[in-house]
Amino acid sequence: MSSCALQILTAPHHTLGAQAGRLIGAGVPRQKVAIIYDVGLSTLYRKFLAS
């Protein structure tokens, strides 16, 4: 995972991080979001908790 992608996802005010959260909230599988943003699944589960 690139450090740039991690910074984008961990910044709550960043547009791409917010968009990733909206995608997950809309039901897009985390695996697809991970591919789009080039991050690991564990990063998405850590940042956007499973409901």
N, C-alpha and C. Protein backbone atom coordinates (compact mmCIF):
# COMPACT_ATOMS: atom_id res chain seq x y z
N MET A 1 0.86 -1.17 0.00
CA MET A 1 0.00 0.00 0.00
C MET A 1 0.90 1.23 0.00
N SER A 2 0.53 2.19 -0.78
CA SER A 2 1.32 3.42 -0.83
C SER A 2 0.98 4.30 0.36
N SER A 3 1.98 5.05 0.83
CA SER A 3 1.74 5.92 1.97
C SER A 3 0.78 7.05 1.61
N CYS A 4 0.77 7.44 0.34
CA CYS A 4 -0.15 8.49 -0.11
C CYS A 4 -1.60 8.01 0.02
N ALA A 5 -1.86 6.77 -0.38
CA ALA A 5 -3.21 6.23 -0.27
C ALA A 5 -3.64 6.13 1.18
N LEU A 6 -2.72 5.74 2.05
CA LEU A 6 -3.04 5.65 3.47
C LEU A 6 -3.36 7.02 4.04
N GLN A 7 -2.61 8.04 3.67
CA GLN A 7 -2.87 9.40 4.15
C GLN A 7 -4.23 9.89 3.67
N ILE A 8 -4.59 9.56 2.44
CA ILE A 8 -5.88 9.98 1.90
C ILE A 8 -7.02 9.35 2.69
N LEU A 9 -6.91 8.05 2.98
CA LEU A 9 -8.00 7.37 3.68
C LEU A 9 -8.07 7.73 5.15
N THR A 10 -6.95 8.08 5.75
CA THR A 10 -6.98 8.39 7.18
C THR A 10 -7.33 9.83 7.47
N ALA A 11 -7.38 10.68 6.47
CA ALA A 11 -7.78 12.07 6.67
C ALA A 11 -9.29 12.16 6.50
N PRO A 12 -10.05 12.31 7.59
CA PRO A 12 -11.51 12.28 7.49
C PRO A 12 -12.10 13.40 6.64
N HIS A 13 -11.38 14.51 6.54
CA HIS A 13 -11.90 15.63 5.77
C HIS A 13 -11.52 15.53 4.30
N HIS A 14 -10.68 14.58 3.96
CA HIS A 14 -10.24 14.45 2.57
C HIS A 14 -11.36 13.86 1.73
N THR A 15 -11.54 14.39 0.55
CA THR A 15 -12.64 13.98 -0.33
C THR A 15 -12.60 12.49 -0.66
N LEU A 16 -11.42 11.97 -0.99
CA LEU A 16 -11.34 10.56 -1.36
C LEU A 16 -11.62 9.65 -0.17
N GLY A 17 -11.15 10.04 1.02
CA GLY A 17 -11.44 9.25 2.21
C GLY A 17 -12.93 9.24 2.49
N ALA A 18 -13.57 10.38 2.34
CA ALA A 18 -15.02 10.46 2.54
C ALA A 18 -15.75 9.66 1.48
N GLN A 19 -15.24 9.69 0.25
CA GLN A 19 -15.88 8.95 -0.83
C GLN A 19 -15.77 7.45 -0.59
N ALA A 20 -14.64 6.99 -0.09
CA ALA A 20 -14.49 5.58 0.22
C ALA A 20 -15.51 5.17 1.28
N GLY A 21 -15.70 6.02 2.28
CA GLY A 21 -16.70 5.73 3.31
C GLY A 21 -18.11 5.68 2.76
N ARG A 22 -18.40 6.58 1.83
CA ARG A 22 -19.74 6.56 1.21
C ARG A 22 -19.94 5.31 0.37
N LEU A 23 -18.90 4.89 -0.35
CA LEU A 23 -19.01 3.67 -1.15
C LEU A 23 -19.29 2.46 -0.26
N ILE A 24 -18.55 2.37 0.84
CA ILE A 24 -18.76 1.25 1.77
C ILE A 24 -20.16 1.33 2.37
N GLY A 25 -20.58 2.53 2.73
CA GLY A 25 -21.92 2.72 3.29
C GLY A 25 -23.02 2.38 2.31
N ALA A 26 -22.74 2.54 1.02
CA ALA A 26 -23.73 2.25 -0.01
C ALA A 26 -23.76 0.77 -0.38
N GLY A 27 -22.88 -0.02 0.24
CA GLY A 27 -22.92 -1.45 0.00
C GLY A 27 -21.88 -1.98 -0.97
N VAL A 28 -20.98 -1.13 -1.43
CA VAL A 28 -19.91 -1.60 -2.30
C VAL A 28 -18.97 -2.46 -1.45
N PRO A 29 -18.64 -3.66 -1.91
CA PRO A 29 -17.76 -4.52 -1.12
C PRO A 29 -16.41 -3.86 -0.83
N ARG A 30 -15.93 -4.06 0.38
CA ARG A 30 -14.65 -3.47 0.78
C ARG A 30 -13.52 -3.91 -0.14
N GLN A 31 -13.60 -5.12 -0.66
CA GLN A 31 -12.55 -5.61 -1.55
C GLN A 31 -12.45 -4.73 -2.80
N LYS A 32 -13.59 -4.33 -3.36
CA LYS A 32 -13.58 -3.46 -4.53
C LYS A 32 -13.06 -2.07 -4.18
N VAL A 33 -13.46 -1.54 -3.02
CA VAL A 33 -12.98 -0.23 -2.59
C VAL A 33 -11.46 -0.29 -2.37
N ALA A 34 -10.98 -1.40 -1.81
CA ALA A 34 -9.54 -1.56 -1.60
C ALA A 34 -8.78 -1.53 -2.92
N ILE A 35 -9.33 -2.14 -3.94
CA ILE A 35 -8.69 -2.14 -5.26
C ILE A 35 -8.71 -0.73 -5.84
N ILE A 36 -9.82 -0.05 -5.74
CA ILE A 36 -9.94 1.30 -6.30
C ILE A 36 -8.91 2.23 -5.67
N TYR A 37 -8.76 2.17 -4.34
CA TYR A 37 -7.89 3.11 -3.63
C TYR A 37 -6.50 2.55 -3.34
N ASP A 38 -6.23 1.33 -3.80
CA ASP A 38 -4.92 0.71 -3.63
C ASP A 38 -4.51 0.65 -2.16
N VAL A 39 -5.42 0.12 -1.34
CA VAL A 39 -5.14 -0.08 0.08
C VAL A 39 -5.53 -1.51 0.45
N GLY A 40 -5.09 -1.95 1.61
CA GLY A 40 -5.43 -3.28 2.08
C GLY A 40 -6.80 -3.32 2.73
N LEU A 41 -7.37 -4.51 2.76
CA LEU A 41 -8.68 -4.67 3.41
C LEU A 41 -8.60 -4.31 4.89
N SER A 42 -7.50 -4.65 5.53
CA SER A 42 -7.38 -4.35 6.96
C SER A 42 -7.43 -2.84 7.21
N THR A 43 -6.89 -2.06 6.29
CA THR A 43 -6.94 -0.60 6.43
C THR A 43 -8.38 -0.12 6.37
N LEU A 44 -9.16 -0.66 5.45
CA LEU A 44 -10.56 -0.24 5.33
C LEU A 44 -11.37 -0.67 6.55
N TYR A 45 -11.12 -1.88 7.05
CA TYR A 45 -11.84 -2.32 8.25
C TYR A 45 -11.44 -1.49 9.46
N ARG A 46 -10.19 -1.07 9.53
CA ARG A 46 -9.73 -0.26 10.65
C ARG A 46 -10.33 1.14 10.59
N LYS A 47 -10.36 1.72 9.40
CA LYS A 47 -10.84 3.10 9.24
C LYS A 47 -12.36 3.17 9.22
N PHE A 48 -12.99 2.22 8.54
CA PHE A 48 -14.45 2.21 8.41
C PHE A 48 -14.95 0.91 9.05
N LEU A 49 -15.28 0.98 10.31
CA LEU A 49 -15.64 -0.20 11.08
C LEU A 49 -16.83 -0.92 10.47
N ALA A 50 -16.80 -2.24 10.56
CA ALA A 50 -17.91 -3.05 10.06
C ALA A 50 -19.13 -2.82 10.95
N SER A 51 -20.28 -2.71 10.32
CA SER A 51 -21.49 -2.44 11.11
C SER A 51 -22.27 -3.69 11.40
